[in-house]
């Protein structure tokens, strides 16, 4: 049976109120101090991405948080489960409409 565990030895408890608004449309404030040059950099990137500063920063922070958590996750499989997993990874994909379309599409770089 697969198990998932964290590699981190740090505390696994969340600060008070963390996750309390993870469901629904409730929003909470997140205030921070920022140097003017960093704010200008964020603003420039947000404009290029077609987003406002808040959405840009939240998306970047969410992505960084998810990556950090994923990097600290270990998936443990038994011998049989691991062998089955590797076999699935090594097996060629079954031909399908989307795969054929992808293979016939000329790449944008050449």
N, C-alpha and C. Protein backbone atom coordinates (compact mmCIF):
# COMPACT_ATOMS: atom_id res chain seq x y z
N UNK A 1 0.84 -1.18 0.00
CA UNK A 1 0.00 0.00 0.00
C UNK A 1 0.89 1.24 0.00
N UNK A 2 0.65 2.19 -0.92
CA UNK A 2 1.47 3.39 -0.98
C UNK A 2 1.27 4.28 0.25
N UNK A 3 2.36 4.89 0.67
CA UNK A 3 2.27 5.86 1.76
C UNK A 3 2.93 7.15 1.31
N UNK A 4 2.43 8.25 1.79
CA UNK A 4 3.00 9.55 1.48
C UNK A 4 3.41 10.19 2.79
N UNK A 5 4.63 10.66 2.82
CA UNK A 5 5.12 11.30 4.03
C UNK A 5 6.00 12.47 3.67
N UNK A 6 6.21 13.33 4.63
CA UNK A 6 7.05 14.50 4.42
C UNK A 6 8.47 14.17 4.84
N UNK A 7 9.46 14.68 4.07
CA UNK A 7 10.87 14.50 4.43
C UNK A 7 11.29 15.52 5.47
N UNK A 8 10.53 16.58 5.60
CA UNK A 8 10.92 17.67 6.48
C UNK A 8 10.78 17.26 7.94
N UNK A 9 11.74 17.65 8.74
CA UNK A 9 11.68 17.39 10.19
C UNK A 9 11.07 18.58 10.93
N UNK A 10 10.69 19.60 10.18
CA UNK A 10 10.11 20.79 10.80
C UNK A 10 8.70 20.50 11.31
N UNK A 11 8.20 21.39 12.12
CA UNK A 11 6.86 21.25 12.67
C UNK A 11 5.83 21.19 11.55
N UNK A 12 4.87 20.30 11.70
CA UNK A 12 3.83 20.13 10.69
C UNK A 12 2.56 20.91 11.04
N UNK A 13 2.59 21.67 12.13
CA UNK A 13 1.40 22.40 12.52
C UNK A 13 1.33 23.73 11.79
N UNK A 14 0.13 24.12 11.46
CA UNK A 14 -0.10 25.39 10.78
C UNK A 14 -0.33 26.48 11.81
N UNK A 15 0.00 27.72 11.46
CA UNK A 15 -0.27 28.82 12.40
C UNK A 15 -1.78 28.98 12.59
N UNK A 16 -2.18 29.58 13.71
CA UNK A 16 -3.60 29.78 13.96
C UNK A 16 -4.27 30.50 12.80
N UNK A 17 -5.39 29.97 12.36
CA UNK A 17 -6.15 30.58 11.28
C UNK A 17 -5.72 30.14 9.90
N UNK A 18 -4.57 29.49 9.78
CA UNK A 18 -4.10 29.04 8.46
C UNK A 18 -5.03 27.96 7.95
N UNK A 19 -5.42 28.11 6.72
CA UNK A 19 -6.30 27.13 6.10
C UNK A 19 -7.76 27.32 6.44
N UNK A 20 -8.07 28.30 7.29
CA UNK A 20 -9.46 28.48 7.68
C UNK A 20 -10.32 28.98 6.54
N UNK A 21 -9.71 29.65 5.56
CA UNK A 21 -10.50 30.17 4.44
C UNK A 21 -10.16 29.45 3.14
N UNK A 22 -9.65 28.22 3.24
CA UNK A 22 -9.26 27.49 2.05
C UNK A 22 -10.46 27.04 1.23
N UNK A 23 -11.62 27.07 1.82
CA UNK A 23 -12.84 26.71 1.10
C UNK A 23 -13.70 27.95 0.93
N UNK A 24 -14.43 27.99 -0.15
CA UNK A 24 -15.33 29.11 -0.37
C UNK A 24 -14.62 30.32 -0.94
N UNK A 25 -15.33 31.43 -0.93
CA UNK A 25 -14.81 32.66 -1.52
C UNK A 25 -14.27 33.63 -0.48
N UNK A 26 -14.15 33.21 0.76
CA UNK A 26 -13.64 34.07 1.81
C UNK A 26 -12.19 34.43 1.52
N UNK A 27 -11.86 35.70 1.69
CA UNK A 27 -10.49 36.15 1.47
C UNK A 27 -10.00 36.84 2.72
N UNK A 28 -8.70 36.71 2.97
CA UNK A 28 -8.06 37.38 4.10
C UNK A 28 -6.94 38.24 3.58
N UNK A 29 -6.58 39.24 4.33
CA UNK A 29 -5.50 40.15 3.94
C UNK A 29 -4.15 39.51 4.22
N UNK A 30 -3.19 39.84 3.37
CA UNK A 30 -1.80 39.43 3.56
C UNK A 30 -0.97 40.68 3.31
N UNK A 31 -0.44 41.26 4.37
CA UNK A 31 0.31 42.50 4.25
C UNK A 31 1.80 42.21 4.32
N UNK A 32 2.58 42.95 3.52
CA UNK A 32 4.02 42.78 3.55
C UNK A 32 4.72 44.07 3.17
N UNK A 33 5.94 44.21 3.63
CA UNK A 33 6.78 45.35 3.26
C UNK A 33 7.59 44.93 2.05
N UNK A 34 7.77 45.86 1.12
CA UNK A 34 8.48 45.54 -0.12
C UNK A 34 9.26 46.76 -0.58
N UNK A 35 10.47 46.53 -1.09
CA UNK A 35 11.28 47.63 -1.62
C UNK A 35 10.65 48.12 -2.92
N UNK A 36 10.74 49.42 -3.18
CA UNK A 36 10.12 50.00 -4.38
C UNK A 36 10.59 49.33 -5.68
N UNK A 37 11.87 48.98 -5.77
CA UNK A 37 12.36 48.37 -7.02
C UNK A 37 11.77 46.97 -7.22
N UNK A 38 11.50 46.26 -6.13
CA UNK A 38 10.89 44.94 -6.24
C UNK A 38 9.43 45.08 -6.65
N UNK A 39 8.76 46.09 -6.09
CA UNK A 39 7.37 46.34 -6.46
C UNK A 39 7.26 46.71 -7.94
N UNK A 40 8.19 47.51 -8.43
CA UNK A 40 8.18 47.88 -9.86
C UNK A 40 8.42 46.65 -10.72
N UNK A 41 9.32 45.78 -10.31
CA UNK A 41 9.59 44.55 -11.04
C UNK A 41 8.35 43.68 -11.12
N UNK A 42 7.68 43.52 -9.99
CA UNK A 42 6.44 42.73 -9.94
C UNK A 42 5.37 43.36 -10.82
N UNK A 43 5.23 44.67 -10.76
CA UNK A 43 4.24 45.36 -11.57
C UNK A 43 4.51 45.17 -13.06
N UNK A 44 5.77 45.27 -13.47
CA UNK A 44 6.10 45.07 -14.88
C UNK A 44 5.76 43.65 -15.33
N UNK A 45 6.11 42.68 -14.52
CA UNK A 45 5.82 41.28 -14.86
C UNK A 45 4.31 41.03 -14.88
N UNK A 46 3.59 41.62 -13.94
CA UNK A 46 2.14 41.43 -13.90
C UNK A 46 1.48 41.98 -15.16
N UNK A 47 1.93 43.16 -15.60
CA UNK A 47 1.38 43.75 -16.83
C UNK A 47 1.64 42.83 -18.01
N UNK A 48 2.86 42.32 -18.13
CA UNK A 48 3.18 41.42 -19.23
C UNK A 48 2.35 40.14 -19.18
N UNK A 49 2.02 39.69 -17.97
CA UNK A 49 1.21 38.49 -17.81
C UNK A 49 -0.28 38.77 -17.94
N UNK A 50 -0.64 40.05 -18.06
CA UNK A 50 -2.06 40.42 -18.18
C UNK A 50 -2.82 40.26 -16.88
N UNK A 51 -2.15 40.48 -15.77
CA UNK A 51 -2.78 40.32 -14.46
C UNK A 51 -2.56 41.57 -13.62
N UNK A 52 -3.37 41.70 -12.59
CA UNK A 52 -3.10 42.78 -11.65
C UNK A 52 -2.06 42.29 -10.65
N UNK A 53 -1.50 43.20 -9.87
CA UNK A 53 -0.42 42.86 -8.95
C UNK A 53 -0.85 41.77 -7.97
N UNK A 54 -2.03 41.90 -7.40
CA UNK A 54 -2.49 40.92 -6.40
C UNK A 54 -2.57 39.53 -7.00
N UNK A 55 -3.22 39.40 -8.14
CA UNK A 55 -3.36 38.08 -8.76
C UNK A 55 -1.99 37.50 -9.14
N UNK A 56 -1.10 38.36 -9.64
CA UNK A 56 0.23 37.90 -10.03
C UNK A 56 1.00 37.37 -8.82
N UNK A 57 1.01 38.15 -7.74
CA UNK A 57 1.74 37.76 -6.54
C UNK A 57 1.12 36.51 -5.91
N UNK A 58 -0.20 36.45 -5.85
CA UNK A 58 -0.85 35.28 -5.26
C UNK A 58 -0.56 34.01 -6.07
N UNK A 59 -0.60 34.12 -7.38
CA UNK A 59 -0.32 32.95 -8.22
C UNK A 59 1.13 32.49 -8.03
N UNK A 60 2.06 33.44 -8.00
CA UNK A 60 3.47 33.09 -7.80
C UNK A 60 3.70 32.47 -6.42
N UNK A 61 3.08 33.03 -5.40
CA UNK A 61 3.25 32.51 -4.04
C UNK A 61 2.61 31.13 -3.92
N UNK A 62 1.43 30.95 -4.50
CA UNK A 62 0.76 29.65 -4.46
C UNK A 62 1.61 28.59 -5.16
N UNK A 63 2.14 28.94 -6.32
CA UNK A 63 2.97 28.01 -7.08
C UNK A 63 4.23 27.63 -6.28
N UNK A 64 4.87 28.63 -5.68
CA UNK A 64 6.07 28.36 -4.88
C UNK A 64 5.74 27.49 -3.68
N UNK A 65 4.62 27.74 -3.04
CA UNK A 65 4.21 26.94 -1.88
C UNK A 65 3.94 25.49 -2.30
N UNK A 66 3.22 25.30 -3.41
CA UNK A 66 2.94 23.95 -3.88
C UNK A 66 4.24 23.21 -4.22
N UNK A 67 5.16 23.89 -4.91
CA UNK A 67 6.42 23.26 -5.27
C UNK A 67 7.23 22.88 -4.04
N UNK A 68 7.25 23.76 -3.03
CA UNK A 68 7.97 23.47 -1.80
C UNK A 68 7.39 22.24 -1.12
N UNK A 69 6.08 22.15 -1.05
CA UNK A 69 5.44 20.99 -0.42
C UNK A 69 5.69 19.72 -1.23
N UNK A 70 5.61 19.81 -2.54
CA UNK A 70 5.86 18.63 -3.38
C UNK A 70 7.30 18.14 -3.27
N UNK A 71 8.24 19.07 -3.16
CA UNK A 71 9.64 18.70 -3.02
C UNK A 71 9.92 17.98 -1.70
N UNK A 72 9.05 18.16 -0.73
CA UNK A 72 9.24 17.55 0.59
C UNK A 72 8.38 16.30 0.78
N UNK A 73 7.79 15.80 -0.29
CA UNK A 73 6.90 14.65 -0.21
C UNK A 73 7.59 13.41 -0.76
N UNK A 74 7.48 12.32 -0.03
CA UNK A 74 8.07 11.05 -0.45
C UNK A 74 6.93 10.05 -0.64
N UNK A 75 6.94 9.37 -1.77
CA UNK A 75 5.95 8.34 -2.05
C UNK A 75 6.65 7.00 -1.90
N UNK A 76 6.20 6.19 -0.97
CA UNK A 76 6.82 4.89 -0.72
C UNK A 76 5.91 3.79 -1.25
N UNK A 77 6.47 2.91 -2.07
CA UNK A 77 5.71 1.80 -2.63
C UNK A 77 6.38 0.49 -2.25
N UNK A 78 5.56 -0.54 -2.13
CA UNK A 78 6.10 -1.88 -1.94
C UNK A 78 6.72 -2.36 -3.24
N UNK A 79 7.41 -3.47 -3.20
CA UNK A 79 8.12 -3.99 -4.36
C UNK A 79 7.19 -4.23 -5.55
N UNK A 80 6.06 -4.88 -5.31
CA UNK A 80 5.12 -5.18 -6.39
C UNK A 80 4.52 -3.89 -6.97
N UNK A 81 4.12 -2.99 -6.10
CA UNK A 81 3.53 -1.73 -6.56
C UNK A 81 4.54 -0.90 -7.34
N UNK A 82 5.79 -0.90 -6.88
CA UNK A 82 6.83 -0.15 -7.58
C UNK A 82 7.07 -0.74 -8.97
N UNK A 83 7.14 -2.05 -9.06
CA UNK A 83 7.35 -2.71 -10.35
C UNK A 83 6.20 -2.39 -11.31
N UNK A 84 4.98 -2.41 -10.81
CA UNK A 84 3.82 -2.07 -11.65
C UNK A 84 3.89 -0.61 -12.10
N UNK A 85 4.29 0.27 -11.21
CA UNK A 85 4.41 1.69 -11.52
C UNK A 85 5.45 1.91 -12.61
N UNK A 86 6.62 1.30 -12.47
CA UNK A 86 7.69 1.45 -13.46
C UNK A 86 7.25 0.87 -14.81
N UNK A 87 6.55 -0.26 -14.78
CA UNK A 87 6.06 -0.86 -16.02
C UNK A 87 5.12 0.09 -16.75
N UNK A 88 4.26 0.76 -16.00
CA UNK A 88 3.35 1.73 -16.62
C UNK A 88 4.11 2.91 -17.22
N UNK A 89 5.15 3.36 -16.52
CA UNK A 89 5.95 4.47 -17.04
C UNK A 89 6.72 4.06 -18.31
N UNK A 90 7.21 2.83 -18.33
CA UNK A 90 8.01 2.36 -19.45
C UNK A 90 7.18 1.94 -20.66
N UNK A 91 5.91 1.64 -20.45
CA UNK A 91 5.05 1.18 -21.55
C UNK A 91 4.76 2.33 -22.50
N UNK A 92 4.82 2.06 -23.81
CA UNK A 92 4.48 3.13 -24.76
C UNK A 92 2.99 3.46 -24.64
N UNK A 93 2.63 4.71 -24.90
CA UNK A 93 1.22 5.07 -24.83
C UNK A 93 0.44 4.39 -25.93
N UNK A 94 -0.79 4.04 -25.65
CA UNK A 94 -1.66 3.45 -26.67
C UNK A 94 -1.99 4.54 -27.68
N UNK A 95 -1.94 4.21 -28.98
CA UNK A 95 -2.30 5.21 -29.99
C UNK A 95 -3.71 5.75 -29.75
N UNK A 96 -3.83 7.05 -29.90
CA UNK A 96 -5.14 7.68 -29.75
C UNK A 96 -5.19 8.93 -30.62
N UNK A 97 -6.36 9.50 -30.75
CA UNK A 97 -6.57 10.64 -31.64
C UNK A 97 -5.65 11.82 -31.29
N UNK A 98 -5.57 12.17 -30.02
CA UNK A 98 -4.77 13.32 -29.59
C UNK A 98 -3.28 13.07 -29.83
N UNK A 99 -2.82 11.84 -29.56
CA UNK A 99 -1.42 11.51 -29.79
C UNK A 99 -1.07 11.61 -31.27
N UNK A 100 -1.95 11.10 -32.14
CA UNK A 100 -1.72 11.19 -33.58
C UNK A 100 -1.66 12.65 -34.03
N UNK A 101 -2.58 13.46 -33.50
CA UNK A 101 -2.61 14.88 -33.86
C UNK A 101 -1.31 15.57 -33.42
N UNK A 102 -0.86 15.26 -32.20
CA UNK A 102 0.37 15.86 -31.70
C UNK A 102 1.57 15.47 -32.56
N UNK A 103 1.64 14.21 -32.92
CA UNK A 103 2.77 13.73 -33.73
C UNK A 103 2.77 14.33 -35.14
N UNK A 104 1.60 14.72 -35.64
CA UNK A 104 1.50 15.26 -37.00
C UNK A 104 1.61 16.78 -37.04
N UNK A 105 1.59 17.41 -35.88
CA UNK A 105 1.66 18.86 -35.80
C UNK A 105 3.11 19.32 -35.91
N UNK A 106 3.35 20.28 -36.79
CA UNK A 106 4.69 20.82 -36.96
C UNK A 106 5.04 21.66 -35.73
N UNK A 107 6.23 21.46 -35.15
CA UNK A 107 6.60 22.25 -33.97
C UNK A 107 6.77 23.73 -34.32
N UNK A 108 6.47 24.59 -33.35
CA UNK A 108 6.55 26.03 -33.58
C UNK A 108 7.98 26.51 -33.76
N UNK A 109 8.96 25.74 -33.27
CA UNK A 109 10.35 26.17 -33.36
C UNK A 109 11.03 25.76 -34.66
N UNK A 110 10.33 25.06 -35.52
CA UNK A 110 11.03 24.70 -36.76
C UNK A 110 10.19 23.98 -37.67
